[in-house]
Structures are given as structure tokens and as C-alpha cells.
Amino acid sequence: MPRGSCSTSRRDASARETQAALVRALARTADVRRQQGRPSDAVRLYHQALALCDAALGPDATERDAILKGLALAEDSPRRG
């Protein structure tokens, strides 16, 4: 095993965990905005969460389904506009 590869692996895992936490925080904030009747704000936040999720975690990330569901609900909101 190359010297330092274990440290690099831990750093990569830590960065991935941090990015996943940020994705979840954006999605939770979007959920709150949607529940507050602010679907336009929610849609913007869901798009940010989805872009970060896809870029940092990949299209198969478990967080992706929840983001897409929330996005669909926000986009269908009658108060959007």
C-alpha cells in the first residue's frame, strides 16, 4: 500500500460525509420552506441540493430520491409563482 493512502482515504471519506451532510441540510431547509408556503424558495434549494448531490455523491446517492420527491411537491404547489 502506498505511503499516505490510508490518510487520503480517510480524508476522502470525511469530505464525502461533509458533502452528504450539506445535501441533507439543503433538502431539510427546502422542506421547511415548502411547508411554510414558500415553494419558489423550496424549488431553488431543492435544485441546489440535487446539483450538489449528483456532483459530490453521484446519481445513485440515497438522498436523491427524497430531494426529487420534495422538488415535485414544491413544483406542484398552487402558491408557486
N, C-alpha and C. Protein backbone atom coordinates (compact mmCIF):
# COMPACT_ATOMS: atom_id res chain seq x y z
N MET A 1 0.85 -1.18 0.00
CA MET A 1 0.00 0.00 0.00
C MET A 1 0.89 1.24 0.00
N PRO A 2 0.65 2.20 -0.88
CA PRO A 2 1.47 3.41 -0.93
C PRO A 2 1.36 4.19 0.38
N ARG A 3 2.47 4.78 0.72
CA ARG A 3 2.51 5.57 1.94
C ARG A 3 1.53 6.73 1.85
N GLY A 4 0.74 6.93 2.90
CA GLY A 4 -0.21 8.04 2.94
C GLY A 4 -1.57 7.72 2.34
N SER A 5 -1.74 6.55 1.73
CA SER A 5 -3.02 6.25 1.08
C SER A 5 -4.14 6.07 2.10
N CYS A 6 -3.84 5.59 3.27
CA CYS A 6 -4.85 5.43 4.31
C CYS A 6 -5.35 6.80 4.77
N SER A 7 -4.43 7.72 4.94
CA SER A 7 -4.79 9.07 5.32
C SER A 7 -5.63 9.74 4.25
N THR A 8 -5.26 9.54 3.00
CA THR A 8 -6.02 10.11 1.89
C THR A 8 -7.42 9.51 1.85
N SER A 9 -7.51 8.22 2.08
CA SER A 9 -8.80 7.53 2.09
C SER A 9 -9.70 8.08 3.19
N ARG A 10 -9.15 8.30 4.36
CA ARG A 10 -9.94 8.87 5.47
C ARG A 10 -10.38 10.28 5.15
N ARG A 11 -9.50 11.06 4.53
CA ARG A 11 -9.84 12.43 4.14
C ARG A 11 -10.98 12.42 3.12
N ASP A 12 -10.90 11.54 2.15
CA ASP A 12 -11.96 11.43 1.13
C ASP A 12 -13.28 11.04 1.77
N ALA A 13 -13.25 10.10 2.69
CA ALA A 13 -14.47 9.67 3.38
C ALA A 13 -15.05 10.81 4.20
N SER A 14 -14.18 11.56 4.86
CA SER A 14 -14.63 12.69 5.66
C SER A 14 -15.25 13.78 4.78
N ALA A 15 -14.64 14.04 3.64
CA ALA A 15 -15.18 15.04 2.72
C ALA A 15 -16.54 14.59 2.19
N ARG A 16 -16.67 13.31 1.89
CA ARG A 16 -17.95 12.78 1.40
C ARG A 16 -19.03 12.91 2.47
N GLU A 17 -18.70 12.62 3.72
CA GLU A 17 -19.65 12.76 4.82
C GLU A 17 -20.07 14.21 4.99
N THR A 18 -19.12 15.12 4.86
CA THR A 18 -19.43 16.55 4.97
C THR A 18 -20.36 16.99 3.84
N GLN A 19 -20.08 16.54 2.63
CA GLN A 19 -20.92 16.89 1.48
C GLN A 19 -22.32 16.29 1.63
N ALA A 20 -22.41 15.07 2.12
CA ALA A 20 -23.71 14.44 2.34
C ALA A 20 -24.51 15.21 3.39
N ALA A 21 -23.83 15.67 4.44
CA ALA A 21 -24.50 16.47 5.47
C ALA A 21 -25.01 17.78 4.90
N LEU A 22 -24.24 18.41 4.02
CA LEU A 22 -24.68 19.65 3.39
C LEU A 22 -25.88 19.41 2.48
N VAL A 23 -25.87 18.31 1.74
CA VAL A 23 -27.01 17.95 0.88
C VAL A 23 -28.26 17.79 1.75
N ARG A 24 -28.14 17.07 2.85
CA ARG A 24 -29.29 16.85 3.73
C ARG A 24 -29.77 18.16 4.35
N ALA A 25 -28.86 19.04 4.72
CA ALA A 25 -29.25 20.32 5.30
C ALA A 25 -29.99 21.18 4.27
N LEU A 26 -29.51 21.22 3.05
CA LEU A 26 -30.21 21.96 1.99
C LEU A 26 -31.60 21.39 1.76
N ALA A 27 -31.71 20.07 1.72
CA ALA A 27 -33.01 19.43 1.50
C ALA A 27 -33.96 19.70 2.66
N ARG A 28 -33.46 19.64 3.89
CA ARG A 28 -34.31 19.93 5.06
C ARG A 28 -34.80 21.37 5.03
N THR A 29 -33.91 22.29 4.67
CA THR A 29 -34.30 23.70 4.59
C THR A 29 -35.35 23.88 3.50
N ALA A 30 -35.18 23.20 2.38
CA ALA A 30 -36.17 23.26 1.30
C ALA A 30 -37.50 22.70 1.79
N ASP A 31 -37.47 21.60 2.55
CA ASP A 31 -38.71 21.03 3.10
C ASP A 31 -39.44 22.06 3.97
N VAL A 32 -38.68 22.75 4.81
CA VAL A 32 -39.28 23.76 5.69
C VAL A 32 -39.89 24.89 4.87
N ARG A 33 -39.16 25.36 3.86
CA ARG A 33 -39.70 26.45 3.02
C ARG A 33 -40.99 26.02 2.33
N ARG A 34 -41.02 24.78 1.85
CA ARG A 34 -42.22 24.26 1.19
C ARG A 34 -43.38 24.22 2.19
N GLN A 35 -43.12 23.74 3.40
CA GLN A 35 -44.16 23.65 4.43
C GLN A 35 -44.62 25.03 4.90
N GLN A 36 -43.75 26.02 4.77
CA GLN A 36 -44.10 27.39 5.13
C GLN A 36 -44.89 28.10 4.03
N GLY A 37 -45.13 27.40 2.94
CA GLY A 37 -45.85 28.02 1.82
C GLY A 37 -44.96 28.88 0.95
N ARG A 38 -43.68 28.55 0.91
CA ARG A 38 -42.71 29.30 0.10
C ARG A 38 -42.10 28.36 -0.94
N PRO A 39 -42.93 27.85 -1.85
CA PRO A 39 -42.45 26.84 -2.79
C PRO A 39 -41.37 27.33 -3.75
N SER A 40 -41.38 28.59 -4.11
CA SER A 40 -40.33 29.09 -5.02
C SER A 40 -38.96 29.00 -4.36
N ASP A 41 -38.91 29.37 -3.08
CA ASP A 41 -37.65 29.23 -2.34
C ASP A 41 -37.27 27.77 -2.22
N ALA A 42 -38.27 26.92 -1.97
CA ALA A 42 -38.02 25.49 -1.82
C ALA A 42 -37.46 24.90 -3.12
N VAL A 43 -38.05 25.27 -4.25
CA VAL A 43 -37.59 24.74 -5.54
C VAL A 43 -36.12 25.11 -5.76
N ARG A 44 -35.75 26.34 -5.48
CA ARG A 44 -34.36 26.79 -5.63
C ARG A 44 -33.43 25.95 -4.76
N LEU A 45 -33.82 25.72 -3.51
CA LEU A 45 -32.98 24.94 -2.59
C LEU A 45 -32.91 23.47 -3.00
N TYR A 46 -34.04 22.92 -3.46
CA TYR A 46 -34.01 21.53 -3.93
C TYR A 46 -33.07 21.37 -5.13
N HIS A 47 -33.10 22.34 -6.03
CA HIS A 47 -32.19 22.27 -7.19
C HIS A 47 -30.73 22.34 -6.74
N GLN A 48 -30.44 23.19 -5.76
CA GLN A 48 -29.07 23.27 -5.25
C GLN A 48 -28.67 21.94 -4.60
N ALA A 49 -29.57 21.38 -3.80
CA ALA A 49 -29.29 20.11 -3.14
C ALA A 49 -29.08 19.00 -4.17
N LEU A 50 -29.90 18.98 -5.20
CA LEU A 50 -29.79 17.95 -6.23
C LEU A 50 -28.48 18.08 -7.01
N ALA A 51 -28.10 19.30 -7.36
CA ALA A 51 -26.85 19.51 -8.09
C ALA A 51 -25.65 19.06 -7.25
N LEU A 52 -25.64 19.44 -5.97
CA LEU A 52 -24.54 19.03 -5.09
C LEU A 52 -24.55 17.52 -4.88
N CYS A 53 -25.72 16.96 -4.71
CA CYS A 53 -25.85 15.51 -4.52
C CYS A 53 -25.27 14.76 -5.72
N ASP A 54 -25.67 15.16 -6.91
CA ASP A 54 -25.18 14.48 -8.11
C ASP A 54 -23.68 14.65 -8.30
N ALA A 55 -23.18 15.87 -8.05
CA ALA A 55 -21.76 16.14 -8.26
C ALA A 55 -20.88 15.48 -7.20
N ALA A 56 -21.30 15.54 -5.97
CA ALA A 56 -20.45 15.07 -4.88
C ALA A 56 -20.68 13.62 -4.50
N LEU A 57 -21.92 13.16 -4.60
CA LEU A 57 -22.26 11.83 -4.11
C LEU A 57 -22.62 10.86 -5.21
N GLY A 58 -22.95 11.39 -6.37
CA GLY A 58 -23.30 10.54 -7.51
C GLY A 58 -24.80 10.36 -7.66
N PRO A 59 -25.22 9.95 -8.84
CA PRO A 59 -26.65 9.84 -9.13
C PRO A 59 -27.36 8.70 -8.39
N ASP A 60 -26.61 7.81 -7.77
CA ASP A 60 -27.21 6.70 -7.04
C ASP A 60 -27.28 6.96 -5.53
N ALA A 61 -26.99 8.18 -5.11
CA ALA A 61 -27.00 8.50 -3.68
C ALA A 61 -28.41 8.35 -3.11
N THR A 62 -28.48 7.86 -1.89
CA THR A 62 -29.77 7.62 -1.26
C THR A 62 -30.56 8.92 -1.04
N GLU A 63 -29.88 10.03 -0.87
CA GLU A 63 -30.53 11.32 -0.63
C GLU A 63 -31.32 11.81 -1.85
N ARG A 64 -30.95 11.35 -3.02
CA ARG A 64 -31.51 11.86 -4.28
C ARG A 64 -33.03 11.66 -4.38
N ASP A 65 -33.53 10.50 -3.99
CA ASP A 65 -34.96 10.23 -4.09
C ASP A 65 -35.79 11.20 -3.25
N ALA A 66 -35.36 11.46 -2.03
CA ALA A 66 -36.09 12.38 -1.16
C ALA A 66 -36.08 13.80 -1.73
N ILE A 67 -34.95 14.20 -2.30
CA ILE A 67 -34.86 15.53 -2.90
C ILE A 67 -35.82 15.64 -4.08
N LEU A 68 -35.84 14.64 -4.93
CA LEU A 68 -36.74 14.66 -6.09
C LEU A 68 -38.20 14.67 -5.68
N LYS A 69 -38.54 13.93 -4.64
CA LYS A 69 -39.93 13.92 -4.15
C LYS A 69 -40.32 15.30 -3.64
N GLY A 70 -39.46 15.91 -2.83
CA GLY A 70 -39.74 17.26 -2.32
C GLY A 70 -39.83 18.28 -3.44
N LEU A 71 -38.95 18.15 -4.43
CA LEU A 71 -38.97 19.06 -5.57
C LEU A 71 -40.30 18.94 -6.33
N ALA A 72 -40.76 17.72 -6.54
CA ALA A 72 -42.04 17.51 -7.24
C ALA A 72 -43.19 18.14 -6.46
N LEU A 73 -43.19 17.97 -5.15
CA LEU A 73 -44.24 18.57 -4.32
C LEU A 73 -44.20 20.10 -4.38
N ALA A 74 -43.02 20.66 -4.33
CA ALA A 74 -42.88 22.12 -4.38
C ALA A 74 -43.30 22.67 -5.74
N GLU A 75 -42.93 21.96 -6.81
CA GLU A 75 -43.29 22.43 -8.15
C GLU A 75 -44.78 22.33 -8.40
N ASP A 76 -45.46 21.42 -7.73
CA ASP A 76 -46.91 21.26 -7.89
C ASP A 76 -47.71 22.16 -6.95
N SER A 77 -47.03 22.90 -6.12
CA SER A 77 -47.71 23.75 -5.15
C SER A 77 -48.50 24.86 -5.84
N PRO A 78 -49.75 25.07 -5.43
CA PRO A 78 -50.55 26.12 -6.06
C PRO A 78 -50.07 27.53 -5.74
N ARG A 79 -49.27 27.68 -4.70
CA ARG A 79 -48.80 29.02 -4.31
C ARG A 79 -47.51 29.42 -4.99
N ARG A 80 -47.01 28.55 -5.87
CA ARG A 80 -45.74 28.85 -6.54
C ARG A 80 -45.95 29.94 -7.57
N GLY A 81 -44.98 30.84 -7.65
CA GLY A 81 -45.11 31.85 -8.68
C GLY A 81 -44.29 33.04 -8.52
